[in-house]
Amino acid sequence: MGTGVAMAGKIINIAQQKGGAGKTTLATHLAVAWAQKRGRKVAVLDVDPQGSLGVWYEAREHYLGKENTGLTFKRANGIRAMAEAERLAKDHDIVVIDMPPHGTTAANAAVRAADLVVVPVQPTPLDFWATLPTLEVAAAEKKPVLLVVNRVPPRALLTATMITRLGQYKVRVAKATLGSRVAFAESIGGGRTVLETKPRSLAATEIRQLATEILRKV
């Protein structure tokens, strides 16, 4: 298996019911961060009917070439999601799933396959409330959850309060946070990530720190 932090076919779901939380952006960046470790095999699985992950991967193939994406890409729908995730986990160190809205068959099936559910949440009350259904689904399946505070603006006074409130739900909150940075959106539009377009940026540093933290929790 891969080098670095020991993994054994771990399945990591990126989930959030509320649109615009940065779910697909987070999934792509984490997948590339993990794939950059030499010898580590990473797969990305698009289970979201919107297909944003698939659009990103097609752009990646166009820009880098089909043999140079550094990732394995698959799509799955409905109850096939769990079977596809488990199949990929047999010959990959990490499988990253871009989740669909919760309450669907595909969502429930994908959660059952997960070793960890990672939930991006923006530092606003509305986003905090929108996270609760995701936490309930994971709790029903007895799956561990890690919340990632995303798109944190400068001087975000609400962030500390949010983290305290989220802690009341007995879920872990990542120490690493992601700032509100244009670089994330700019890079994903070309099928890449900030790790490739701006590898020395603060945005890239934040992603690396988060990727390392997540692997320590699975």
N, C-alpha and C. Protein backbone atom coordinates (compact mmCIF):
# COMPACT_ATOMS: atom_id res chain seq x y z
N MET A 1 0.85 -1.19 0.00
CA MET A 1 0.00 0.00 0.00
C MET A 1 0.88 1.24 0.00
N GLY A 2 0.26 2.42 0.14
CA GLY A 2 1.00 3.65 -0.01
C GLY A 2 1.95 3.94 1.14
N THR A 3 2.77 4.93 0.92
CA THR A 3 3.72 5.36 1.93
C THR A 3 3.11 6.47 2.76
N GLY A 4 3.88 6.98 3.73
CA GLY A 4 3.37 8.05 4.58
C GLY A 4 2.49 7.47 5.67
N VAL A 5 1.36 8.17 5.95
CA VAL A 5 0.44 7.69 6.96
C VAL A 5 -0.17 6.38 6.50
N ALA A 6 -0.14 5.37 7.36
CA ALA A 6 -0.60 4.04 6.96
C ALA A 6 -2.08 4.04 6.65
N MET A 7 -2.43 3.50 5.51
CA MET A 7 -3.82 3.39 5.11
C MET A 7 -4.09 1.98 4.65
N ALA A 8 -5.35 1.56 4.69
CA ALA A 8 -5.71 0.24 4.23
C ALA A 8 -7.06 0.34 3.52
N GLY A 9 -7.07 0.94 2.37
CA GLY A 9 -8.30 1.06 1.60
C GLY A 9 -9.36 1.85 2.32
N LYS A 10 -9.03 3.01 2.87
CA LYS A 10 -9.99 3.81 3.62
C LYS A 10 -10.95 4.55 2.68
N ILE A 11 -12.22 4.58 3.08
CA ILE A 11 -13.25 5.26 2.31
C ILE A 11 -13.66 6.52 3.07
N ILE A 12 -13.48 7.67 2.43
CA ILE A 12 -13.76 8.96 3.06
C ILE A 12 -14.83 9.69 2.26
N ASN A 13 -15.96 9.93 2.90
CA ASN A 13 -17.07 10.60 2.24
C ASN A 13 -17.03 12.09 2.53
N ILE A 14 -17.21 12.90 1.49
CA ILE A 14 -17.33 14.34 1.65
C ILE A 14 -18.81 14.67 1.49
N ALA A 15 -19.44 15.09 2.57
CA ALA A 15 -20.90 15.19 2.57
C ALA A 15 -21.37 16.52 3.12
N GLN A 16 -22.42 17.07 2.50
CA GLN A 16 -23.07 18.28 3.00
C GLN A 16 -24.35 18.46 2.20
N GLN A 17 -25.47 18.57 2.91
CA GLN A 17 -26.75 18.70 2.23
C GLN A 17 -26.90 20.07 1.58
N LYS A 18 -26.37 21.10 2.20
CA LYS A 18 -26.54 22.45 1.70
C LYS A 18 -25.62 22.71 0.51
N GLY A 19 -26.17 23.24 -0.56
CA GLY A 19 -25.38 23.57 -1.73
C GLY A 19 -24.47 24.76 -1.45
N GLY A 20 -23.37 24.82 -2.17
CA GLY A 20 -22.46 25.94 -2.03
C GLY A 20 -21.53 25.89 -0.84
N ALA A 21 -21.47 24.74 -0.18
CA ALA A 21 -20.61 24.61 1.01
C ALA A 21 -19.17 24.29 0.64
N GLY A 22 -18.92 23.99 -0.63
CA GLY A 22 -17.56 23.66 -1.06
C GLY A 22 -17.25 22.19 -1.02
N LYS A 23 -18.28 21.36 -1.12
CA LYS A 23 -18.11 19.90 -1.00
C LYS A 23 -17.21 19.34 -2.10
N THR A 24 -17.51 19.64 -3.34
CA THR A 24 -16.72 19.08 -4.44
C THR A 24 -15.31 19.67 -4.46
N THR A 25 -15.19 20.95 -4.18
CA THR A 25 -13.87 21.58 -4.11
C THR A 25 -13.01 20.90 -3.06
N LEU A 26 -13.60 20.62 -1.91
CA LEU A 26 -12.86 19.93 -0.85
C LEU A 26 -12.48 18.52 -1.27
N ALA A 27 -13.41 17.80 -1.90
CA ALA A 27 -13.14 16.43 -2.33
C ALA A 27 -11.97 16.38 -3.31
N THR A 28 -11.96 17.27 -4.29
CA THR A 28 -10.89 17.26 -5.29
C THR A 28 -9.54 17.61 -4.67
N HIS A 29 -9.53 18.60 -3.80
CA HIS A 29 -8.27 19.03 -3.19
C HIS A 29 -7.70 17.98 -2.26
N LEU A 30 -8.55 17.34 -1.47
CA LEU A 30 -8.05 16.29 -0.59
C LEU A 30 -7.53 15.10 -1.39
N ALA A 31 -8.25 14.73 -2.44
CA ALA A 31 -7.82 13.59 -3.26
C ALA A 31 -6.44 13.84 -3.87
N VAL A 32 -6.23 15.04 -4.40
CA VAL A 32 -4.93 15.35 -5.00
C VAL A 32 -3.84 15.43 -3.93
N ALA A 33 -4.17 15.99 -2.79
CA ALA A 33 -3.19 16.07 -1.69
C ALA A 33 -2.71 14.69 -1.30
N TRP A 34 -3.63 13.75 -1.18
CA TRP A 34 -3.25 12.37 -0.80
C TRP A 34 -2.52 11.66 -1.94
N ALA A 35 -2.94 11.93 -3.17
CA ALA A 35 -2.31 11.26 -4.32
C ALA A 35 -0.89 11.74 -4.55
N GLN A 36 -0.54 12.92 -4.06
CA GLN A 36 0.80 13.45 -4.27
C GLN A 36 1.85 12.73 -3.44
N LYS A 37 1.42 11.95 -2.47
CA LYS A 37 2.36 11.13 -1.71
C LYS A 37 2.77 9.94 -2.57
N ARG A 38 4.03 9.80 -2.82
CA ARG A 38 4.54 8.78 -3.73
C ARG A 38 4.07 7.37 -3.32
N GLY A 39 3.56 6.63 -4.29
CA GLY A 39 3.15 5.25 -4.04
C GLY A 39 1.74 5.10 -3.54
N ARG A 40 1.05 6.22 -3.28
CA ARG A 40 -0.31 6.12 -2.75
C ARG A 40 -1.32 6.17 -3.91
N LYS A 41 -2.22 5.20 -3.93
CA LYS A 41 -3.25 5.12 -4.96
C LYS A 41 -4.56 5.70 -4.42
N VAL A 42 -5.11 6.66 -5.14
CA VAL A 42 -6.32 7.35 -4.70
C VAL A 42 -7.38 7.29 -5.80
N ALA A 43 -8.61 6.97 -5.40
CA ALA A 43 -9.74 6.96 -6.32
C ALA A 43 -10.76 8.00 -5.87
N VAL A 44 -11.43 8.60 -6.84
CA VAL A 44 -12.53 9.53 -6.54
C VAL A 44 -13.80 8.95 -7.15
N LEU A 45 -14.87 8.96 -6.35
CA LEU A 45 -16.14 8.36 -6.75
C LEU A 45 -17.22 9.43 -6.71
N ASP A 46 -17.83 9.71 -7.85
CA ASP A 46 -18.88 10.72 -7.96
C ASP A 46 -20.24 10.05 -7.79
N VAL A 47 -20.90 10.35 -6.68
CA VAL A 47 -22.22 9.79 -6.40
C VAL A 47 -23.29 10.89 -6.46
N ASP A 48 -22.86 12.14 -6.63
CA ASP A 48 -23.77 13.27 -6.68
C ASP A 48 -24.38 13.40 -8.07
N PRO A 49 -25.72 13.39 -8.19
CA PRO A 49 -26.36 13.52 -9.51
C PRO A 49 -25.95 14.77 -10.27
N GLN A 50 -25.51 15.82 -9.57
CA GLN A 50 -25.07 17.04 -10.26
C GLN A 50 -23.82 16.79 -11.09
N GLY A 51 -23.02 15.80 -10.71
CA GLY A 51 -21.87 15.40 -11.51
C GLY A 51 -20.73 16.39 -11.56
N SER A 52 -20.62 17.27 -10.56
CA SER A 52 -19.56 18.29 -10.58
C SER A 52 -18.17 17.67 -10.54
N LEU A 53 -18.03 16.59 -9.78
CA LEU A 53 -16.72 15.93 -9.70
C LEU A 53 -16.32 15.37 -11.06
N GLY A 54 -17.29 14.81 -11.77
CA GLY A 54 -17.02 14.28 -13.09
C GLY A 54 -16.60 15.36 -14.08
N VAL A 55 -17.23 16.53 -14.01
CA VAL A 55 -16.86 17.65 -14.88
C VAL A 55 -15.43 18.08 -14.59
N TRP A 56 -15.09 18.16 -13.29
CA TRP A 56 -13.72 18.52 -12.91
C TRP A 56 -12.72 17.49 -13.44
N TYR A 57 -13.05 16.21 -13.33
CA TYR A 57 -12.12 15.18 -13.77
C TYR A 57 -11.93 15.21 -15.28
N GLU A 58 -13.00 15.46 -16.01
CA GLU A 58 -12.86 15.57 -17.47
C GLU A 58 -11.95 16.73 -17.85
N ALA A 59 -12.07 17.84 -17.14
CA ALA A 59 -11.18 18.98 -17.39
C ALA A 59 -9.74 18.61 -17.04
N ARG A 60 -9.59 17.81 -16.01
CA ARG A 60 -8.25 17.37 -15.59
C ARG A 60 -7.61 16.48 -16.66
N GLU A 61 -8.41 15.58 -17.21
CA GLU A 61 -7.90 14.73 -18.29
C GLU A 61 -7.49 15.58 -19.49
N HIS A 62 -8.28 16.58 -19.80
CA HIS A 62 -7.99 17.43 -20.95
C HIS A 62 -6.70 18.21 -20.73
N TYR A 63 -6.51 18.71 -19.52
CA TYR A 63 -5.34 19.55 -19.24
C TYR A 63 -4.08 18.73 -19.04
N LEU A 64 -4.17 17.63 -18.31
CA LEU A 64 -2.99 16.85 -17.95
C LEU A 64 -2.77 15.62 -18.83
N GLY A 65 -3.82 15.18 -19.51
CA GLY A 65 -3.75 13.92 -20.26
C GLY A 65 -4.35 12.79 -19.44
N LYS A 66 -4.99 11.85 -20.10
CA LYS A 66 -5.70 10.79 -19.40
C LYS A 66 -4.80 9.92 -18.54
N GLU A 67 -3.53 9.82 -18.90
CA GLU A 67 -2.61 8.97 -18.15
C GLU A 67 -1.90 9.71 -17.01
N ASN A 68 -2.20 11.01 -16.87
CA ASN A 68 -1.44 11.81 -15.91
C ASN A 68 -2.30 12.49 -14.85
N THR A 69 -3.50 12.01 -14.64
CA THR A 69 -4.37 12.67 -13.65
C THR A 69 -3.95 12.33 -12.22
N GLY A 70 -3.28 11.21 -12.03
CA GLY A 70 -2.87 10.80 -10.70
C GLY A 70 -3.98 10.18 -9.88
N LEU A 71 -5.17 10.02 -10.49
CA LEU A 71 -6.34 9.52 -9.77
C LEU A 71 -7.10 8.51 -10.63
N THR A 72 -7.88 7.67 -9.94
CA THR A 72 -8.86 6.82 -10.62
C THR A 72 -10.23 7.46 -10.42
N PHE A 73 -11.01 7.57 -11.49
CA PHE A 73 -12.33 8.19 -11.38
C PHE A 73 -13.42 7.20 -11.76
N LYS A 74 -14.50 7.18 -10.93
CA LYS A 74 -15.67 6.35 -11.22
C LYS A 74 -16.93 7.10 -10.82
N ARG A 75 -18.04 6.71 -11.46
CA ARG A 75 -19.37 7.19 -11.07
C ARG A 75 -20.21 6.02 -10.58
N ALA A 76 -21.17 6.29 -9.70
CA ALA A 76 -22.09 5.25 -9.25
C ALA A 76 -23.38 5.89 -8.79
N ASN A 77 -24.48 5.18 -8.96
CA ASN A 77 -25.79 5.68 -8.55
C ASN A 77 -26.48 4.67 -7.64
N GLY A 78 -27.37 5.17 -6.78
CA GLY A 78 -28.20 4.31 -5.96
C GLY A 78 -27.41 3.33 -5.10
N ILE A 79 -27.93 2.13 -4.98
CA ILE A 79 -27.31 1.14 -4.09
C ILE A 79 -25.96 0.67 -4.64
N ARG A 80 -25.67 0.97 -5.90
CA ARG A 80 -24.36 0.61 -6.46
C ARG A 80 -23.23 1.39 -5.82
N ALA A 81 -23.55 2.50 -5.15
CA ALA A 81 -22.51 3.36 -4.58
C ALA A 81 -21.68 2.61 -3.55
N MET A 82 -22.34 1.88 -2.67
CA MET A 82 -21.61 1.15 -1.63
C MET A 82 -20.72 0.07 -2.23
N ALA A 83 -21.25 -0.68 -3.18
CA ALA A 83 -20.49 -1.76 -3.81
C ALA A 83 -19.29 -1.20 -4.58
N GLU A 84 -19.50 -0.10 -5.29
CA GLU A 84 -18.41 0.51 -6.06
C GLU A 84 -17.32 1.04 -5.14
N ALA A 85 -17.72 1.67 -4.04
CA ALA A 85 -16.74 2.19 -3.09
C ALA A 85 -15.90 1.06 -2.50
N GLU A 86 -16.55 -0.01 -2.12
CA GLU A 86 -15.83 -1.14 -1.53
C GLU A 86 -14.93 -1.82 -2.55
N ARG A 87 -15.36 -1.86 -3.80
CA ARG A 87 -14.53 -2.45 -4.85
C ARG A 87 -13.27 -1.62 -5.05
N LEU A 88 -13.43 -0.31 -5.11
CA LEU A 88 -12.28 0.57 -5.29
C LEU A 88 -11.31 0.47 -4.11
N ALA A 89 -11.86 0.29 -2.92
CA ALA A 89 -11.02 0.23 -1.72
C ALA A 89 -10.11 -1.00 -1.71
N LYS A 90 -10.45 -2.01 -2.51
CA LYS A 90 -9.64 -3.22 -2.54
C LYS A 90 -8.27 -2.99 -3.17
N ASP A 91 -8.19 -2.04 -4.11
CA ASP A 91 -6.89 -1.81 -4.75
C ASP A 91 -6.48 -0.34 -4.77
N HIS A 92 -7.05 0.44 -3.84
CA HIS A 92 -6.62 1.83 -3.64
C HIS A 92 -6.42 2.08 -2.15
N ASP A 93 -5.50 2.95 -1.85
CA ASP A 93 -5.25 3.30 -0.46
C ASP A 93 -6.38 4.16 0.12
N ILE A 94 -6.90 5.04 -0.72
CA ILE A 94 -7.96 5.96 -0.28
C ILE A 94 -9.00 6.09 -1.39
N VAL A 95 -10.27 6.07 -0.99
CA VAL A 95 -11.38 6.34 -1.90
C VAL A 95 -12.11 7.57 -1.37
N VAL A 96 -12.19 8.61 -2.19
CA VAL A 96 -12.88 9.85 -1.81
C VAL A 96 -14.22 9.89 -2.53
N ILE A 97 -15.30 9.99 -1.77
CA ILE A 97 -16.64 10.00 -2.37
C ILE A 97 -17.25 11.40 -2.27
N ASP A 98 -17.65 11.94 -3.42
CA ASP A 98 -18.40 13.19 -3.46
C ASP A 98 -19.88 12.81 -3.33
N MET A 99 -20.45 13.10 -2.17
CA MET A 99 -21.76 12.58 -1.81
C MET A 99 -22.92 13.32 -2.48
N PRO A 100 -24.06 12.64 -2.65
CA PRO A 100 -25.28 13.29 -3.13
C PRO A 100 -26.03 13.91 -1.96
N PRO A 101 -27.13 14.61 -2.23
CA PRO A 101 -27.97 15.10 -1.13
C PRO A 101 -28.44 13.95 -0.25
N HIS A 102 -28.60 14.20 1.02
CA HIS A 102 -29.00 13.12 1.93
C HIS A 102 -30.48 12.78 1.80
N GLY A 103 -30.82 11.59 2.25
CA GLY A 103 -32.18 11.11 2.13
C GLY A 103 -32.37 10.27 0.88
N THR A 104 -31.37 10.25 -0.01
CA THR A 104 -31.46 9.44 -1.20
C THR A 104 -30.88 8.05 -0.94
N THR A 105 -31.23 7.11 -1.78
CA THR A 105 -30.69 5.76 -1.65
C THR A 105 -29.18 5.76 -1.80
N ALA A 106 -28.69 6.54 -2.74
CA ALA A 106 -27.25 6.61 -2.97
C ALA A 106 -26.52 7.16 -1.76
N ALA A 107 -27.11 8.18 -1.12
CA ALA A 107 -26.48 8.78 0.06
C ALA A 107 -26.35 7.78 1.19
N ASN A 108 -27.45 7.09 1.47
CA ASN A 108 -27.43 6.13 2.56
C ASN A 108 -26.46 4.98 2.28
N ALA A 109 -26.44 4.52 1.04
CA ALA A 109 -25.54 3.42 0.68
C ALA A 109 -24.08 3.85 0.80
N ALA A 110 -23.78 5.06 0.35
CA ALA A 110 -22.41 5.54 0.41
C ALA A 110 -21.95 5.75 1.84
N VAL A 111 -22.83 6.23 2.71
CA VAL A 111 -22.47 6.42 4.11
C VAL A 111 -22.15 5.08 4.78
N ARG A 112 -22.89 4.05 4.43
CA ARG A 112 -22.64 2.73 5.03
C ARG A 112 -21.24 2.22 4.71
N ALA A 113 -20.70 2.62 3.58
CA ALA A 113 -19.37 2.15 3.17
C ALA A 113 -18.25 2.97 3.79
N ALA A 114 -18.57 4.10 4.40
CA ALA A 114 -17.54 5.06 4.82
C ALA A 114 -16.78 4.64 6.08
N ASP A 115 -15.50 4.99 6.09
CA ASP A 115 -14.71 4.91 7.33
C ASP A 115 -14.78 6.23 8.07
N LEU A 116 -15.02 7.32 7.33
CA LEU A 116 -15.12 8.64 7.93
C LEU A 116 -15.97 9.52 7.02
N VAL A 117 -16.85 10.32 7.62
CA VAL A 117 -17.65 11.29 6.88
C VAL A 117 -17.11 12.68 7.20
N VAL A 118 -16.60 13.37 6.18
CA VAL A 118 -16.06 14.70 6.34
C VAL A 118 -17.10 15.71 5.85
N VAL A 119 -17.45 16.65 6.71
CA VAL A 119 -18.53 17.60 6.40
C VAL A 119 -18.01 19.03 6.39
N PRO A 120 -17.92 19.66 5.21
CA PRO A 120 -17.53 21.07 5.17
C PRO A 120 -18.70 21.95 5.61
N VAL A 121 -18.42 22.94 6.43
CA VAL A 121 -19.47 23.85 6.90
C VAL A 121 -18.91 25.26 6.94
N GLN A 122 -19.63 26.20 6.35
CA GLN A 122 -19.21 27.59 6.37
C GLN A 122 -19.61 28.24 7.70
N PRO A 123 -18.85 29.25 8.14
CA PRO A 123 -19.09 29.84 9.45
C PRO A 123 -20.27 30.82 9.48
N THR A 124 -21.47 30.29 9.20
CA THR A 124 -22.69 31.10 9.31
C THR A 124 -23.75 30.26 10.02
N PRO A 125 -24.69 30.88 10.70
CA PRO A 125 -25.75 30.12 11.36
C PRO A 125 -26.54 29.24 10.40
N LEU A 126 -26.85 29.75 9.19
CA LEU A 126 -27.63 28.96 8.23
C LEU A 126 -26.89 27.68 7.85
N ASP A 127 -25.59 27.79 7.63
CA ASP A 127 -24.81 26.61 7.27
C ASP A 127 -24.72 25.64 8.44
N PHE A 128 -24.61 26.19 9.63
CA PHE A 128 -24.58 25.35 10.83
C PHE A 128 -25.86 24.53 10.93
N TRP A 129 -27.02 25.17 10.78
CA TRP A 129 -28.29 24.46 10.86
C TRP A 129 -28.43 23.44 9.73
N ALA A 130 -27.95 23.78 8.54
CA ALA A 130 -28.07 22.88 7.39
C ALA A 130 -27.24 21.63 7.56
N THR A 131 -26.26 21.66 8.46
CA THR A 131 -25.39 20.50 8.68
C THR A 131 -26.07 19.39 9.47
N LEU A 132 -27.08 19.75 10.24
CA LEU A 132 -27.69 18.78 11.15
C LEU A 132 -28.22 17.51 10.47
N PRO A 133 -28.90 17.59 9.31
CA PRO A 133 -29.35 16.34 8.67
C PRO A 133 -28.19 15.41 8.29
N THR A 134 -27.06 15.99 7.90
CA THR A 134 -25.89 15.19 7.57
C THR A 134 -25.39 14.45 8.80
N LEU A 135 -25.35 15.14 9.93
CA LEU A 135 -24.91 14.51 11.17
C LEU A 135 -25.86 13.39 11.59
N GLU A 136 -27.16 13.60 11.35
CA GLU A 136 -28.15 12.59 11.74
C GLU A 136 -28.01 11.32 10.90
N VAL A 137 -27.75 11.49 9.60
CA VAL A 137 -27.56 10.32 8.74
C VAL A 137 -26.35 9.52 9.18
N ALA A 138 -25.24 10.21 9.44
CA ALA A 138 -24.02 9.53 9.88
C ALA A 138 -24.23 8.85 11.22
N ALA A 139 -24.95 9.50 12.12
CA ALA A 139 -25.21 8.91 13.43
C ALA A 139 -26.06 7.65 13.31
N ALA A 140 -27.03 7.68 12.40
CA ALA A 140 -27.90 6.51 12.21
C ALA A 140 -27.10 5.32 11.70
N GLU A 141 -26.06 5.58 10.90
CA GLU A 141 -25.22 4.51 10.36
C GLU A 141 -24.01 4.21 11.26
N LYS A 142 -23.93 4.94 12.40
CA LYS A 142 -22.84 4.76 13.37
C LYS A 142 -21.46 5.01 12.71
N LYS A 143 -21.40 6.07 11.93
CA LYS A 143 -20.15 6.44 11.25
C LYS A 143 -19.55 7.70 11.89
N PRO A 144 -18.23 7.73 12.09
CA PRO A 144 -17.61 8.91 12.66
C PRO A 144 -17.64 10.08 11.68
N VAL A 145 -17.74 11.29 12.24
CA VAL A 145 -17.85 12.51 11.45
C VAL A 145 -16.74 13.48 11.84
N LEU A 146 -16.19 14.16 10.85
CA LEU A 146 -15.25 15.24 11.10
C LEU A 146 -15.75 16.47 10.36
N LEU A 147 -16.03 17.53 11.10
CA LEU A 147 -16.48 18.77 10.49
C LEU A 147 -15.29 19.64 10.14
N VAL A 148 -15.34 20.24 8.95
CA VAL A 148 -14.28 21.13 8.47
C VAL A 148 -14.88 22.51 8.26
N VAL A 149 -14.40 23.48 9.01
CA VAL A 149 -14.89 24.85 8.84
C VAL A 149 -14.23 25.43 7.58
N ASN A 150 -15.08 25.76 6.61
CA ASN A 150 -14.62 26.11 5.27
C ASN A 150 -14.99 27.56 4.93
N ARG A 151 -14.22 28.14 4.01
CA ARG A 151 -14.48 29.50 3.53
C ARG A 151 -14.54 30.50 4.68
N VAL A 152 -13.56 30.41 5.54
CA VAL A 152 -13.49 31.28 6.71
C VAL A 152 -12.98 32.66 6.27
N PRO A 153 -13.77 33.72 6.44
CA PRO A 153 -13.32 35.05 6.05
C PRO A 153 -12.36 35.62 7.09
N PRO A 154 -11.60 36.65 6.72
CA PRO A 154 -10.73 37.30 7.71
C PRO A 154 -11.57 37.84 8.87
N ARG A 155 -11.03 37.74 10.07
CA ARG A 155 -11.70 38.26 11.27
C ARG A 155 -13.06 37.62 11.47
N ALA A 156 -13.15 36.33 11.27
CA ALA A 156 -14.43 35.63 11.41
C ALA A 156 -14.71 35.35 12.88
N LEU A 157 -15.41 36.26 13.52
CA LEU A 157 -15.68 36.12 14.95
C LEU A 157 -16.64 34.96 15.24
N LEU A 158 -17.45 34.60 14.24
CA LEU A 158 -18.43 33.54 14.45
C LEU A 158 -17.79 32.16 14.48
N THR A 159 -16.61 32.03 13.91
CA THR A 159 -16.00 30.71 13.77
C THR A 159 -15.81 30.02 15.12
N ALA A 160 -15.23 30.71 16.07
CA ALA A 160 -14.98 30.10 17.38
C ALA A 160 -16.29 29.70 18.04
N THR A 161 -17.31 30.56 17.92
CA THR A 161 -18.62 30.24 18.49
C THR A 161 -19.21 29.02 17.83
N MET A 162 -19.11 28.95 16.50
CA MET A 162 -19.63 27.81 15.76
C MET A 162 -18.98 26.51 16.20
N ILE A 163 -17.67 26.53 16.31
CA ILE A 163 -16.95 25.32 16.69
C ILE A 163 -17.41 24.84 18.06
N THR A 164 -17.62 25.76 18.97
CA THR A 164 -18.11 25.40 20.30
C THR A 164 -19.49 24.76 20.21
N ARG A 165 -20.36 25.33 19.40
CA ARG A 165 -21.70 24.78 19.25
C ARG A 165 -21.68 23.41 18.59
N LEU A 166 -20.88 23.27 17.56
CA LEU A 166 -20.80 21.98 16.87
C LEU A 166 -20.30 20.90 17.82
N GLY A 167 -19.44 21.29 18.75
CA GLY A 167 -18.93 20.32 19.71
C GLY A 167 -20.01 19.71 20.58
N GLN A 168 -21.14 20.39 20.71
CA GLN A 168 -22.24 19.88 21.51
C GLN A 168 -22.89 18.65 20.86
N TYR A 169 -22.62 18.43 19.59
CA TYR A 169 -23.23 17.30 18.89
C TYR A 169 -22.33 16.07 18.89
N LYS A 170 -21.29 16.11 19.70
CA LYS A 170 -20.40 14.97 19.88
C LYS A 170 -19.77 14.53 18.56
N VAL A 171 -19.41 15.49 17.76
CA VAL A 171 -18.66 15.22 16.54
C VAL A 171 -17.36 16.00 16.62
N ARG A 172 -16.35 15.50 15.96
CA ARG A 172 -15.07 16.18 15.99
C ARG A 172 -15.03 17.33 14.97
N VAL A 173 -14.35 18.37 15.34
CA VAL A 173 -14.15 19.51 14.44
C VAL A 173 -12.67 19.59 14.13
N ALA A 174 -12.33 19.62 12.85
CA ALA A 174 -10.92 19.66 12.45
C ALA A 174 -10.26 20.93 12.97
N LYS A 175 -9.04 20.78 13.45
CA LYS A 175 -8.27 21.94 13.87
C LYS A 175 -7.90 22.81 12.67
N ALA A 176 -7.59 22.16 11.56
CA ALA A 176 -7.26 22.88 10.33
C ALA A 176 -8.54 23.46 9.72
N THR A 177 -8.50 24.71 9.33
CA THR A 177 -9.62 25.36 8.65
C THR A 177 -9.17 25.85 7.28
N LEU A 178 -10.14 26.14 6.43
CA LEU A 178 -9.84 26.63 5.09
C LEU A 178 -10.37 28.04 4.93
N GLY A 179 -9.51 28.95 4.49
CA GLY A 179 -9.92 30.33 4.31
C GLY A 179 -10.77 30.53 3.08
N SER A 180 -11.40 31.68 3.01
CA SER A 180 -12.19 32.06 1.84
C SER A 180 -11.24 32.63 0.80
N ARG A 181 -10.78 31.77 -0.11
CA ARG A 181 -9.71 32.15 -1.03
C ARG A 181 -10.14 31.89 -2.48
N VAL A 182 -9.96 32.89 -3.32
CA VAL A 182 -10.30 32.79 -4.74
C VAL A 182 -9.49 31.69 -5.41
N ALA A 183 -8.29 31.42 -4.91
CA ALA A 183 -7.41 30.43 -5.53
C ALA A 183 -8.06 29.06 -5.64
N PHE A 184 -8.90 28.69 -4.68
CA PHE A 184 -9.55 27.38 -4.73
C PHE A 184 -10.43 27.26 -5.97
N ALA A 185 -11.30 28.24 -6.18
CA ALA A 185 -12.22 28.21 -7.32
C ALA A 185 -11.47 28.34 -8.64
N GLU A 186 -10.45 29.17 -8.67
CA GLU A 186 -9.69 29.37 -9.91
C GLU A 186 -9.01 28.07 -10.34
N SER A 187 -8.48 27.34 -9.41
CA SER A 187 -7.75 26.12 -9.77
C SER A 187 -8.68 25.00 -10.22
N ILE A 188 -9.81 24.87 -9.56
CA ILE A 188 -10.71 23.76 -9.87
C ILE A 188 -11.34 23.93 -11.24
N GLY A 189 -11.46 25.16 -11.72
CA GLY A 189 -12.04 25.39 -13.04
C GLY A 189 -11.21 24.79 -14.16
N GLY A 190 -9.92 24.59 -13.92
CA GLY A 190 -9.06 23.99 -14.93
C GLY A 190 -8.73 22.54 -14.66
N GLY A 191 -9.54 21.90 -13.81
CA GLY A 191 -9.32 20.49 -13.53
C GLY A 191 -8.11 20.23 -12.63
N ARG A 192 -7.69 21.27 -11.94
CA ARG A 192 -6.54 21.12 -11.05
C ARG A 192 -6.91 21.56 -9.64
N THR A 193 -5.90 21.76 -8.80
CA THR A 193 -6.10 22.23 -7.43
C THR A 193 -5.02 23.26 -7.12
N VAL A 194 -5.16 23.95 -6.00
CA VAL A 194 -4.14 24.93 -5.63
C VAL A 194 -2.79 24.25 -5.35
N LEU A 195 -2.81 22.97 -5.07
CA LEU A 195 -1.58 22.23 -4.85
C LEU A 195 -0.73 22.19 -6.12
N GLU A 196 -1.40 22.37 -7.25
CA GLU A 196 -0.72 22.34 -8.55
C GLU A 196 -0.55 23.73 -9.16
N THR A 197 -1.54 24.58 -8.96
CA THR A 197 -1.46 25.92 -9.55
C THR A 197 -0.70 26.90 -8.67
N LYS A 198 -0.82 26.76 -7.36
CA LYS A 198 -0.14 27.65 -6.42
C LYS A 198 0.37 26.83 -5.22
N PRO A 199 1.32 25.95 -5.47
CA PRO A 199 1.76 25.00 -4.43
C PRO A 199 2.38 25.64 -3.20
N ARG A 200 2.85 26.88 -3.30
CA ARG A 200 3.47 27.54 -2.15
C ARG A 200 2.54 28.54 -1.47
N SER A 201 1.29 28.55 -1.87
CA SER A 201 0.33 29.50 -1.33
C SER A 201 -0.17 29.06 0.04
N LEU A 202 -0.79 30.00 0.75
CA LEU A 202 -1.40 29.68 2.04
C LEU A 202 -2.54 28.69 1.85
N ALA A 203 -3.26 28.82 0.74
CA ALA A 203 -4.36 27.89 0.45
C ALA A 203 -3.84 26.46 0.35
N ALA A 204 -2.72 26.26 -0.34
CA ALA A 204 -2.13 24.93 -0.47
C ALA A 204 -1.67 24.40 0.88
N THR A 205 -1.11 25.27 1.69
CA THR A 205 -0.67 24.87 3.03
C THR A 205 -1.85 24.41 3.87
N GLU A 206 -2.96 25.13 3.78
CA GLU A 206 -4.17 24.75 4.54
C GLU A 206 -4.67 23.38 4.12
N ILE A 207 -4.67 23.11 2.82
CA ILE A 207 -5.13 21.81 2.33
C ILE A 207 -4.22 20.69 2.82
N ARG A 208 -2.92 20.90 2.75
CA ARG A 208 -1.99 19.86 3.21
C ARG A 208 -2.18 19.57 4.70
N GLN A 209 -2.36 20.61 5.48
CA GLN A 209 -2.55 20.43 6.92
C GLN A 209 -3.83 19.65 7.20
N LEU A 210 -4.89 20.00 6.49
CA LEU A 210 -6.16 19.30 6.68
C LEU A 210 -6.06 17.84 6.23
N ALA A 211 -5.43 17.60 5.08
CA ALA A 211 -5.29 16.24 4.57
C ALA A 211 -4.53 15.36 5.55
N THR A 212 -3.48 15.91 6.14
CA THR A 212 -2.71 15.16 7.13
C THR A 212 -3.53 14.87 8.37
N GLU A 213 -4.28 15.86 8.82
CA GLU A 213 -5.12 15.69 10.02
C GLU A 213 -6.18 14.62 9.81
N ILE A 214 -6.82 14.64 8.64
CA ILE A 214 -7.89 13.66 8.37
C ILE A 214 -7.34 12.24 8.40
N LEU A 215 -6.17 12.01 7.78
CA LEU A 215 -5.64 10.66 7.75
C LEU A 215 -5.27 10.15 9.15
N ARG A 216 -5.02 11.05 10.05
CA ARG A 216 -4.71 10.64 11.42
C ARG A 216 -5.95 10.22 12.19
N LYS A 217 -7.12 10.49 11.61
CA LYS A 217 -8.38 10.21 12.30
C LYS A 217 -9.11 9.00 11.75
N VAL A 218 -8.55 8.35 10.73
CA VAL A 218 -9.22 7.16 10.18
C VAL A 218 -8.37 5.93 10.40
